C-alpha atoms as a PDB file:
ATOM      1  CA  MET A   1      -6.348   9.031   7.433  1.00  0.00           C
ATOM      2  CA  LYS A   2      -9.632   8.231   6.138  1.00  0.00           C
ATOM      3  CA  THR A   3     -11.143   9.882   3.015  1.00  0.00           C
ATOM      4  CA  LYS A   4     -14.513  11.680   1.880  1.00  0.00           C
ATOM      5  CA  ILE A   5     -15.002  12.343  -1.975  1.00  0.00           C
ATOM      6  CA  CYS A   6     -17.843  14.636  -2.352  1.00  0.00           C
ATOM      7  CA  GLY A   7     -19.916  16.328  -4.710  1.00  0.00           C
ATOM      8  CA  ILE A   8     -20.738  13.082  -6.912  1.00  0.00           C
ATOM      9  CA  SER A   9     -23.283  13.521  -9.535  1.00  0.00           C
ATOM     10  CA  ASP A  10     -22.937  10.847 -12.327  1.00  0.00           C
ATOM     11  CA  ILE A  11     -23.321   6.897 -11.990  1.00  0.00           C
ATOM     12  CA  LYS A  12     -19.808   6.349 -13.967  1.00  0.00           C
ATOM     13  CA  THR A  13     -17.967   8.432 -11.116  1.00  0.00           C
ATOM     14  CA  LEU A  14     -20.006   6.745  -8.299  1.00  0.00           C
ATOM     15  CA  LYS A  15     -19.424   3.075  -9.448  1.00  0.00           C
ATOM     16  CA  PHE A  16     -15.832   3.966  -9.702  1.00  0.00           C
ATOM     17  CA  LEU A  17     -15.596   5.027  -6.120  1.00  0.00           C
ATOM     18  CA  THR A  18     -17.504   1.786  -5.351  1.00  0.00           C
ATOM     19  CA  GLN A  19     -15.541  -0.717  -6.696  1.00  0.00           C
ATOM     20  CA  HIS A  20     -12.116   0.613  -6.009  1.00  0.00           C
ATOM     21  CA  THR A  21      -9.409  -1.247  -4.295  1.00  0.00           C
ATOM     22  CA  TYR A  22      -9.126   1.857  -2.353  1.00  0.00           C
ATOM     23  CA  PRO A  23     -12.675   3.286  -1.863  1.00  0.00           C
ATOM     24  CA  PRO A  24     -13.374   6.193  -0.042  1.00  0.00           C
ATOM     25  CA  ASN A  25     -14.626   6.123   3.613  1.00  0.00           C
ATOM     26  CA  PHE A  26     -17.363   8.563   2.685  1.00  0.00           C
ATOM     27  CA  ILE A  27     -19.167   9.666  -0.552  1.00  0.00           C
ATOM     28  CA  GLY A  28     -20.988  12.828  -0.604  1.00  0.00           C
ATOM     29  CA  PHE A  29     -24.040  14.202  -2.315  1.00  0.00           C
ATOM     30  CA  ILE A  30     -25.162  17.545  -2.600  1.00  0.00           C
ATOM     31  CA  VAL A  31     -29.025  17.124  -1.997  1.00  0.00           C
ATOM     32  CA  ASN A  32     -30.361  20.547  -1.077  1.00  0.00           C
ATOM     33  CA  TYR A  33     -28.499  23.380  -2.488  1.00  0.00           C
ATOM     34  CA  PRO A  34     -29.087  24.138  -5.972  1.00  0.00           C
ATOM     35  CA  LYS A  35     -26.567  26.970  -5.972  1.00  0.00           C
ATOM     36  CA  SER A  36     -23.861  24.376  -6.209  1.00  0.00           C
ATOM     37  CA  LYS A  37     -22.650  23.111  -9.579  1.00  0.00           C
ATOM     38  CA  ARG A  38     -22.885  19.427  -7.642  1.00  0.00           C
ATOM     39  CA  TYR A  39     -26.167  19.764  -6.795  1.00  0.00           C
ATOM     40  CA  VAL A  40     -28.100  16.703  -7.589  1.00  0.00           C
ATOM     41  CA  GLU A  41     -31.728  16.378  -8.129  1.00  0.00           C
ATOM     42  CA  TYR A  42     -33.946  14.186  -6.339  1.00  0.00           C
ATOM     43  CA  ASP A  43     -34.826  11.572  -9.122  1.00  0.00           C
ATOM     44  CA  LYS A  44     -30.992  11.076  -9.960  1.00  0.00           C
ATOM     45  CA  LEU A  45     -30.469  11.335  -6.233  1.00  0.00           C
ATOM     46  CA  CYS A  46     -32.705   8.211  -5.871  1.00  0.00           C
ATOM     47  CA  LYS A  47     -30.718   6.522  -8.669  1.00  0.00           C
ATOM     48  CA  LEU A  48     -27.277   7.117  -7.492  1.00  0.00           C
ATOM     49  CA  THR A  49     -28.037   5.926  -3.690  1.00  0.00           C
ATOM     50  CA  ASN A  50     -29.668   2.873  -5.157  1.00  0.00           C
ATOM     51  CA  ILE A  51     -26.248   1.884  -6.289  1.00  0.00           C
ATOM     52  CA  ASP A  52     -24.063  -0.751  -3.570  1.00  0.00           C
ATOM     53  CA  LYS A  53     -22.210   1.487  -1.565  1.00  0.00           C
ATOM     54  CA  LYS A  54     -20.268  -1.871  -0.816  1.00  0.00           C
ATOM     55  CA  ASN A  55     -17.260  -0.256   1.603  1.00  0.00           C
ATOM     56  CA  SER A  56     -18.315   3.311   1.726  1.00  0.00           C
ATOM     57  CA  PHE A  57     -20.707   5.458   3.755  1.00  0.00           C
ATOM     58  CA  TYR A  58     -23.119   7.842   1.612  1.00  0.00           C
ATOM     59  CA  VAL A  59     -23.514  10.956   2.959  1.00  0.00           C
ATOM     60  CA  ALA A  60     -26.187  13.698   2.493  1.00  0.00           C
ATOM     61  CA  VAL A  61     -24.863  17.102   2.442  1.00  0.00           C
ATOM     62  CA  LEU A  62     -27.473  19.281   3.790  1.00  0.00           C
ATOM     63  CA  VAL A  63     -27.376  23.352   4.155  1.00  0.00           C
ATOM     64  CA  LYS A  64     -30.001  24.593   6.522  1.00  0.00           C
ATOM     65  CA  PRO A  65     -32.428  21.365   5.688  1.00  0.00           C
ATOM     66  CA  ASN A  66     -36.083  22.259   6.279  1.00  0.00           C
ATOM     67  CA  TYR A  67     -38.955  19.418   6.887  1.00  0.00           C
ATOM     68  CA  GLU A  68     -39.441  18.599   3.414  1.00  0.00           C
ATOM     69  CA  ILE A  69     -36.286  17.547   2.144  1.00  0.00           C
ATOM     70  CA  LEU A  70     -35.858  15.470   5.452  1.00  0.00           C
ATOM     71  CA  GLU A  71     -38.909  13.701   4.382  1.00  0.00           C
ATOM     72  CA  LYS A  72     -38.248  13.710   0.860  1.00  0.00           C
ATOM     73  CA  ILE A  73     -35.111  11.943   1.558  1.00  0.00           C
ATOM     74  CA  LYS A  74     -35.691   9.895   4.515  1.00  0.00           C
ATOM     75  CA  ASP A  75     -35.767   6.552   2.947  1.00  0.00           C
ATOM     76  CA  LEU A  76     -32.567   6.841   0.772  1.00  0.00           C
ATOM     77  CA  ALA A  77     -29.285   4.834   1.496  1.00  0.00           C
ATOM     78  CA  PHE A  78     -27.625   7.515   3.413  1.00  0.00           C
ATOM     79  CA  ASP A  79     -25.945   6.778   6.367  1.00  0.00           C
ATOM     80  CA  TYR A  80     -24.871  10.188   7.498  1.00  0.00           C
ATOM     81  CA  TYR A  81     -26.354  13.806   7.426  1.00  0.00           C
ATOM     82  CA  GLN A  82     -23.579  16.654   6.825  1.00  0.00           C
ATOM     83  CA  ILE A  83     -25.331  19.598   8.156  1.00  0.00           C
ATOM     84  CA  TYR A  84     -24.658  23.247   7.801  1.00  0.00           C
ATOM     85  CA  GLY A  85     -26.299  26.053   9.219  1.00  0.00           C
ATOM     86  CA  CYS A  86     -28.522  24.539  11.858  1.00  0.00           C
ATOM     87  CA  SER A  87     -28.680  25.511  15.691  1.00  0.00           C
ATOM     88  CA  PRO A  88     -27.565  22.244  17.965  1.00  0.00           C
ATOM     89  CA  ASN A  89     -31.116  21.771  19.080  1.00  0.00           C
ATOM     90  CA  GLU A  90     -32.296  21.790  15.411  1.00  0.00           C
ATOM     91  CA  ILE A  91     -29.671  18.874  14.744  1.00  0.00           C
ATOM     92  CA  LYS A  92     -30.537  17.021  17.886  1.00  0.00           C
ATOM     93  CA  SER A  93     -34.237  16.930  16.379  1.00  0.00           C
ATOM     94  CA  ILE A  94     -33.005  15.631  12.822  1.00  0.00           C
ATOM     95  CA  ARG A  95     -30.932  13.217  14.380  1.00  0.00           C
ATOM     96  CA  GLU A  96     -33.651  11.729  16.956  1.00  0.00           C
ATOM     97  CA  ARG A  97     -36.189  11.898  14.376  1.00  0.00           C
ATOM     98  CA  TYR A  98     -34.138  10.510  10.954  1.00  0.00           C
ATOM     99  CA  ASN A  99     -31.901   7.881  13.343  1.00  0.00           C
ATOM    100  CA  LYS A 100     -29.198   9.270  10.981  1.00  0.00           C
ATOM    101  CA  LYS A 101     -25.294   9.707  11.933  1.00  0.00           C
ATOM    102  CA  ILE A 102     -24.355  13.472  11.964  1.00  0.00           C
ATOM    103  CA  ILE A 103     -21.109  15.039  10.487  1.00  0.00           C
ATOM    104  CA  THR A 104     -21.569  18.562  11.859  1.00  0.00           C
ATOM    105  CA  ALA A 105     -20.184  21.092   9.506  1.00  0.00           C
ATOM    106  CA  LEU A 106     -18.444  24.282  11.038  1.00  0.00           C
ATOM    107  CA  MET A 107     -17.180  26.978   8.518  1.00  0.00           C
ATOM    108  CA  ILE A 108     -13.950  28.615   9.899  1.00  0.00           C
ATOM    109  CA  LYS A 109     -12.839  31.793   9.225  1.00  0.00           C
ATOM    110  CA  GLU A 110     -11.147  32.546  12.535  1.00  0.00           C
ATOM    111  CA  LYS A 111     -10.535  30.863  15.909  1.00  0.00           C
ATOM    112  CA  SER A 112     -13.883  32.133  17.689  1.00  0.00           C
ATOM    113  CA  ASP A 113     -15.534  29.689  14.745  1.00  0.00           C
ATOM    114  CA  VAL A 114     -13.642  26.975  16.047  1.00  0.00           C
ATOM    115  CA  LYS A 115     -14.656  27.295  19.750  1.00  0.00           C
ATOM    116  CA  LYS A 116     -18.189  26.710  18.802  1.00  0.00           C
ATOM    117  CA  TYR A 117     -17.632  22.941  18.116  1.00  0.00           C
ATOM    118  CA  HIS A 118     -18.241  22.262  21.882  1.00  0.00           C
ATOM    119  CA  LEU A 119     -21.861  23.449  21.378  1.00  0.00           C
ATOM    120  CA  PHE A 120     -22.379  20.479  19.264  1.00  0.00           C
ATOM    121  CA  ASP A 121     -20.888  17.956  21.291  1.00  0.00           C
ATOM    122  CA  ASP A 122     -23.925  15.979  22.158  1.00  0.00           C
ATOM    123  CA  VAL A 123     -25.628  15.756  18.611  1.00  0.00           C
ATOM    124  CA  THR A 124     -22.400  14.897  16.446  1.00  0.00           C
ATOM    125  CA  ASP A 125     -20.813  11.986  15.420  1.00  0.00           C
ATOM    126  CA  ILE A 126     -18.124  13.584  13.296  1.00  0.00           C
ATOM    127  CA  TYR A 127     -16.917  17.535  13.461  1.00  0.00           C
ATOM    128  CA  LEU A 128     -16.291  18.792   9.857  1.00  0.00           C
ATOM    129  CA  PHE A 129     -14.301  21.944   9.354  1.00  0.00           C
ATOM    130  CA  ASP A 130     -14.914  23.754   6.384  1.00  0.00           C
ATOM    131  CA  GLY A 131     -13.769  27.381   5.082  1.00  0.00           C
ATOM    132  CA  LYS A 132     -16.229  29.942   4.530  1.00  0.00           C
ATOM    133  CA  GLY A 133     -18.491  29.651   1.358  1.00  0.00           C
ATOM    134  CA  TYR A 134     -21.070  26.991   0.114  1.00  0.00           C
ATOM    135  CA  GLU A 135     -20.928  26.314  -3.289  1.00  0.00           C
ATOM    136  CA  LYS A 136     -17.463  27.715  -3.575  1.00  0.00           C
ATOM    137  CA  SER A 137     -14.665  25.648  -1.392  1.00  0.00           C
ATOM    138  CA  ILE A 138     -12.691  28.638   0.515  1.00  0.00           C
ATOM    139  CA  ALA A 139      -9.490  27.400   2.224  1.00  0.00           C
ATOM    140  CA  PHE A 140      -9.152  28.608   5.514  1.00  0.00           C
ATOM    141  CA  ASN A 141      -5.804  28.980   8.209  1.00  0.00           C
ATOM    142  CA  HIS A 142      -5.308  25.255   9.201  1.00  0.00           C
ATOM    143  CA  SER A 143      -3.238  26.174  11.956  1.00  0.00           C
ATOM    144  CA  LEU A 144      -6.331  27.339  13.910  1.00  0.00           C
ATOM    145  CA  ILE A 145      -7.482  23.805  14.391  1.00  0.00           C
ATOM    146  CA  LYS A 146      -3.876  22.395  14.971  1.00  0.00           C
ATOM    147  CA  ASN A 147      -3.856  21.554  18.658  1.00  0.00           C
ATOM    148  CA  ILE A 148      -7.611  20.784  19.327  1.00  0.00           C
ATOM    149  CA  LYS A 149      -8.071  17.550  21.188  1.00  0.00           C
ATOM    150  CA  MET A 150     -11.741  16.163  20.999  1.00  0.00           C
ATOM    151  CA  ASP A 151     -13.130  12.512  21.464  1.00  0.00           C
ATOM    152  CA  LYS A 152     -14.902  12.603  17.970  1.00  0.00           C
ATOM    153  CA  GLU A 153     -13.280  12.254  14.432  1.00  0.00           C
ATOM    154  CA  LEU A 154     -12.318  15.297  12.906  1.00  0.00           C
ATOM    155  CA  MET A 155     -12.913  15.752   8.811  1.00  0.00           C
ATOM    156  CA  ILE A 156     -11.082  18.993   6.964  1.00  0.00           C
ATOM    157  CA  ALA A 157     -12.359  20.315   4.051  1.00  0.00           C
ATOM    158  CA  GLY A 158     -11.603  23.989   2.467  1.00  0.00           C
ATOM    159  CA  ASN A 159     -10.329  23.777  -1.319  1.00  0.00           C
ATOM    160  CA  ILE A 160      -7.909  20.762  -0.687  1.00  0.00           C
ATOM    161  CA  GLN A 161      -6.284  20.361  -3.786  1.00  0.00           C
ATOM    162  CA  LEU A 162      -3.982  17.547  -5.113  1.00  0.00           C
ATOM    163  CA  ASP A 163      -0.657  18.717  -5.160  1.00  0.00           C
ATOM    164  CA  ASP A 164      -0.911  19.745  -1.366  1.00  0.00           C
ATOM    165  CA  ALA A 165       1.082  17.621   0.978  1.00  0.00           C
ATOM    166  CA  LEU A 166      -1.543  15.412   1.907  1.00  0.00           C
ATOM    167  CA  ASP A 167       0.198  13.744   4.879  1.00  0.00           C
ATOM    168  CA  LYS A 168       0.388  17.207   6.624  1.00  0.00           C
ATOM    169  CA  TYR A 169      -3.574  16.683   6.836  1.00  0.00           C
ATOM    170  CA  ASN A 170      -3.088  13.113   8.795  1.00  0.00           C
ATOM    171  CA  GLU A 171      -1.524  15.421  11.520  1.00  0.00           C
ATOM    172  CA  ILE A 172      -4.390  17.650  11.863  1.00  0.00           C
ATOM    173  CA  SER A 173      -7.386  15.353  11.032  1.00  0.00           C
ATOM    174  CA  ASP A 174      -8.841  12.125  11.047  1.00  0.00           C
ATOM    175  CA  ILE A 175     -10.537  12.389   7.845  1.00  0.00           C
ATOM    176  CA  ILE A 176      -9.331  14.353   4.512  1.00  0.00           C
ATOM    177  CA  ASP A 177     -12.676  15.732   2.526  1.00  0.00           C
ATOM    178  CA  ILE A 178     -12.117  16.860  -0.966  1.00  0.00           C
ATOM    179  CA  SER A 179     -14.136  17.533  -4.169  1.00  0.00           C
ATOM    180  CA  GLY A 180     -12.984  20.094  -6.391  1.00  0.00           C
ATOM    181  CA  GLY A 181      -9.494  19.437  -6.275  1.00  0.00           C
ATOM    182  CA  LEU A 182     -10.493  15.918  -8.514  1.00  0.00           C
ATOM    183  CA  GLU A 183     -12.057  17.815 -11.015  1.00  0.00           C
ATOM    184  CA  THR A 184     -11.085  19.088 -14.545  1.00  0.00           C
ATOM    185  CA  TYR A 185     -13.375  22.038 -15.967  1.00  0.00           C
ATOM    186  CA  GLY A 186     -16.028  21.256 -13.282  1.00  0.00           C
ATOM    187  CA  LEU A 187     -16.202  17.553 -13.723  1.00  0.00           C
ATOM    188  CA  LYS A 188     -14.653  14.690 -11.267  1.00  0.00           C
ATOM    189  CA  ASP A 189     -11.639  13.612 -12.795  1.00  0.00           C
ATOM    190  CA  ILE A 190     -11.376   9.634 -12.929  1.00  0.00           C
ATOM    191  CA  SER A 191      -7.523   9.620 -13.053  1.00  0.00           C
ATOM    192  CA  LYS A 192      -7.313  12.298 -10.323  1.00  0.00           C
ATOM    193  CA  ILE A 193      -9.322  10.145  -8.316  1.00  0.00           C
ATOM    194  CA  GLU A 194      -6.952   7.295  -8.866  1.00  0.00           C
ATOM    195  CA  PHE A 195      -4.043   9.516  -7.662  1.00  0.00           C
ATOM    196  CA  PHE A 196      -5.751  10.603  -4.715  1.00  0.00           C
ATOM    197  CA  LEU A 197      -7.089   7.470  -3.396  1.00  0.00           C
ATOM    198  CA  ASN A 198      -3.668   5.527  -4.350  1.00  0.00           C
ATOM    199  CA  LYS A 199      -1.703   8.343  -2.443  1.00  0.00           C
ATOM    200  CA  VAL A 200      -3.420   8.298   0.360  1.00  0.00           C
ATOM    201  CA  LYS A 201      -3.220   4.366   0.724  1.00  0.00           C
ATOM    202  CA  GLN A 202       0.469   5.116   0.263  1.00  0.00           C
ATOM    203  CA  ILE A 203       0.410   7.309   3.296  1.00  0.00           C
ATOM    204  CA  ASN A 204      -1.383   5.282   5.446  1.00  0.00           C
ATOM    205  CA  ASN A 205       0.885   2.406   4.733  1.00  0.00           C
ATOM    206  CA  GLU A 206       3.812   4.965   5.779  1.00  0.00           C
ATOM    207  CA  THR A 207       2.317   5.796   9.084  1.00  0.00           C
END
């Protein structure tokens, strides 16, 4: 199981992640969605992405990005663009213009939402199945994706919590994406992050 910790917005937490013995594979930043409490303004985003990512990948989380924001962040140290709300053609254009790997985020409520992933096969490196809702993480029925067979990595998000049976996610996905589950009173909690990263390491050692 690989890990993505999303919604990072402060230097202390970011350095803790990048310097951890078992760092997350992916670290996400909310780039262009001010409604999210985890949104990072551009000047601060520059400072954060200047921090050595070491063994992690930096991910720009983008909701229906326009040309202006894409041009603004094009020289920042992002490895992946995680994109919500764009068509396959729009993602193809972004991928070709900015030469970034793509995480296509699909918001899942029912089976028909899952089936849409085929439309993005030619433009996607990783699929993210997430719950409905942008600024508020909402869970979805994971049985909807349980038997999906694809030749690309599958990431799962949607109100994942520390007390969930994390090993069960390993049965249906390659990457677990967590944000609010690692927070206390709306702020990232180092002790929860520590528990999560060590727990995933333990699960990986056992499988």
